[in-house]
C-alpha atoms as a PDB file:
ATOM      1  CA  MET A   1     -99.920 -48.903-133.793  1.00  0.00           C
ATOM      2  CA  MET A   2    -101.586 -52.324-134.159  1.00  0.00           C
ATOM      3  CA  VAL A   3    -102.622 -53.738-137.352  1.00  0.00           C
ATOM      4  CA  ASP A   4    -104.891 -56.704-137.768  1.00  0.00           C
ATOM      5  CA  GLN A   5    -102.852 -59.407-139.909  1.00  0.00           C
ATOM      6  CA  TYR A   6    -105.685 -60.384-141.996  1.00  0.00           C
ATOM      7  CA  SER A   7    -107.766 -57.590-142.784  1.00  0.00           C
ATOM      8  CA  GLY A   8    -105.020 -54.995-142.662  1.00  0.00           C
ATOM      9  CA  LYS A   9    -107.221 -52.538-140.459  1.00  0.00           C
ATOM     10  CA  VAL A  10    -105.624 -50.492-137.756  1.00  0.00           C
ATOM     11  CA  LEU A  11    -106.792 -51.674-134.419  1.00  0.00           C
ATOM     12  CA  LEU A  12    -105.150 -49.310-132.388  1.00  0.00           C
ATOM     13  CA  ALA A  13    -103.086 -45.720-132.942  1.00  0.00           C
ATOM     14  CA  GLN A  14    -101.884 -44.078-130.390  1.00  0.00           C
ATOM     15  CA  GLY A  15     -99.641 -40.795-130.417  1.00  0.00           C
ATOM     16  CA  SER A  16     -96.373 -40.384-128.536  1.00  0.00           C
ATOM     17  CA  ARG A  17     -97.853 -37.431-126.525  1.00  0.00           C
ATOM     18  CA  ALA A  18    -100.870 -39.569-125.319  1.00  0.00           C
ATOM     19  CA  ALA A  19     -98.622 -42.876-124.640  1.00  0.00           C
ATOM     20  CA  SER A  20     -97.545 -44.026-121.442  1.00  0.00           C
ATOM     21  CA  ALA A  21     -94.126 -43.557-120.307  1.00  0.00           C
ATOM     22  CA  GLY A  22     -92.978 -46.751-120.913  1.00  0.00           C
ATOM     23  CA  VAL A  23     -94.201 -46.438-124.495  1.00  0.00           C
ATOM     24  CA  ARG A  24     -92.613 -43.171-124.988  1.00  0.00           C
ATOM     25  CA  MET A  25     -89.194 -44.624-123.579  1.00  0.00           C
ATOM     26  CA  VAL A  26     -89.345 -47.666-126.143  1.00  0.00           C
ATOM     27  CA  ILE A  27     -90.023 -45.110-129.221  1.00  0.00           C
ATOM     28  CA  GLN A  28     -86.956 -42.744-127.949  1.00  0.00           C
ATOM     29  CA  ASN A  29     -84.858 -45.745-127.633  1.00  0.00           C
ATOM     30  CA  ARG A  30     -85.455 -47.014-131.222  1.00  0.00           C
ATOM     31  CA  ALA A  31     -85.126 -43.299-132.487  1.00  0.00           C
ATOM     32  CA  ILE A  32     -81.528 -43.476-130.813  1.00  0.00           C
ATOM     33  CA  HIS A  33     -80.748 -46.620-132.185  1.00  0.00           C
ATOM     34  CA  THR A  34     -81.783 -46.079-135.736  1.00  0.00           C
ATOM     35  CA  GLY A  35     -80.308 -42.406-135.780  1.00  0.00           C
ATOM     36  CA  ASP A  36     -83.449 -40.928-136.187  1.00  0.00           C
ATOM     37  CA  ILE A  37     -83.103 -37.937-133.848  1.00  0.00           C
ATOM     38  CA  LEU A  38     -80.572 -35.941-135.417  1.00  0.00           C
ATOM     39  CA  GLY A  39     -80.250 -37.835-138.741  1.00  0.00           C
ATOM     40  CA  ILE A  40     -76.696 -37.865-140.355  1.00  0.00           C
ATOM     41  CA  PRO A  41     -74.775 -36.458-137.670  1.00  0.00           C
ATOM     42  CA  SER A  42     -76.124 -39.121-135.018  1.00  0.00           C
ATOM     43  CA  LYS A  43     -75.752 -41.629-137.217  1.00  0.00           C
ATOM     44  CA  THR A  44     -72.017 -40.768-137.915  1.00  0.00           C
ATOM     45  CA  ILE A  45     -71.395 -40.437-133.965  1.00  0.00           C
ATOM     46  CA  LEU A  46     -72.936 -43.430-133.349  1.00  0.00           C
ATOM     47  CA  SER A  47     -71.066 -45.469-135.952  1.00  0.00           C
ATOM     48  CA  VAL A  48     -67.932 -44.164-134.942  1.00  0.00           C
ATOM     49  CA  ALA A  49     -68.551 -45.254-131.219  1.00  0.00           C
ATOM     50  CA  SER A  50     -69.248 -48.950-132.317  1.00  0.00           C
ATOM     51  CA  LEU A  51     -66.297 -48.799-134.333  1.00  0.00           C
ATOM     52  CA  MET A  52     -64.236 -47.558-131.126  1.00  0.00           C
ATOM     53  CA  LEU A  53     -65.936 -50.709-129.193  1.00  0.00           C
ATOM     54  CA  VAL A  54     -64.843 -52.984-131.871  1.00  0.00           C
ATOM     55  CA  MET A  55     -61.520 -51.604-131.883  1.00  0.00           C
ATOM     56  CA  GLN A  56     -61.186 -51.770-127.697  1.00  0.00           C
ATOM     57  CA  GLY A  57     -62.088 -55.414-128.003  1.00  0.00           C
ATOM     58  CA  VAL A  58     -59.339 -56.281-130.798  1.00  0.00           C
ATOM     59  CA  SER A  59     -56.738 -54.311-128.881  1.00  0.00           C
ATOM     60  CA  GLY A  60     -57.569 -55.775-125.726  1.00  0.00           C
ATOM     61  CA  VAL A  61     -57.281 -59.275-126.999  1.00  0.00           C
ATOM     62  CA  VAL A  62     -53.661 -58.201-128.691  1.00  0.00           C
ATOM     63  CA  MET A  63     -52.659 -56.746-125.779  1.00  0.00           C
ATOM     64  CA  TRP A  64     -53.370 -59.785-123.778  1.00  0.00           C
ATOM     65  CA  TRP A  65     -52.006 -62.158-126.380  1.00  0.00           C
ATOM     66  CA  LYS A  66     -48.748 -60.373-126.137  1.00  0.00           C
ATOM     67  CA  ARG A  67     -48.345 -60.792-122.298  1.00  0.00           C
ATOM     68  CA  THR A  68     -49.312 -64.212-122.471  1.00  0.00           C
ATOM     69  CA  GLY A  69     -46.264 -64.838-125.056  1.00  0.00           C
ATOM     70  CA  LYS A  70     -43.814 -63.002-123.217  1.00  0.00           C
ATOM     71  CA  LYS A  71     -44.687 -65.147-120.010  1.00  0.00           C
ATOM     72  CA  GLN A  72     -44.248 -68.151-121.739  1.00  0.00           C
ATOM     73  CA  THR A  73     -40.876 -67.232-123.081  1.00  0.00           C
ATOM     74  CA  LEU A  74     -39.876 -66.132-119.542  1.00  0.00           C
ATOM     75  CA  ARG A  75     -40.413 -69.326-117.796  1.00  0.00           C
ATOM     76  CA  LYS A  76     -38.687 -71.381-120.437  1.00  0.00           C
END
């Protein structure tokens, strides 16, 4: 939907069924990322998946840190 910034009148309103494939994909992408598709269950799943990504990053850094520490002690 496009709205005139000065008057507030609607300039263009387009339903998702009449929209082009690109516009529909953008609408679906937003719905997925905001959890609008399945409500609370999808928000919970996406939150857990996001936390898992963070934990993978943290555990990767910890594993790297431990590995580099062992190499330095072996060299001495």
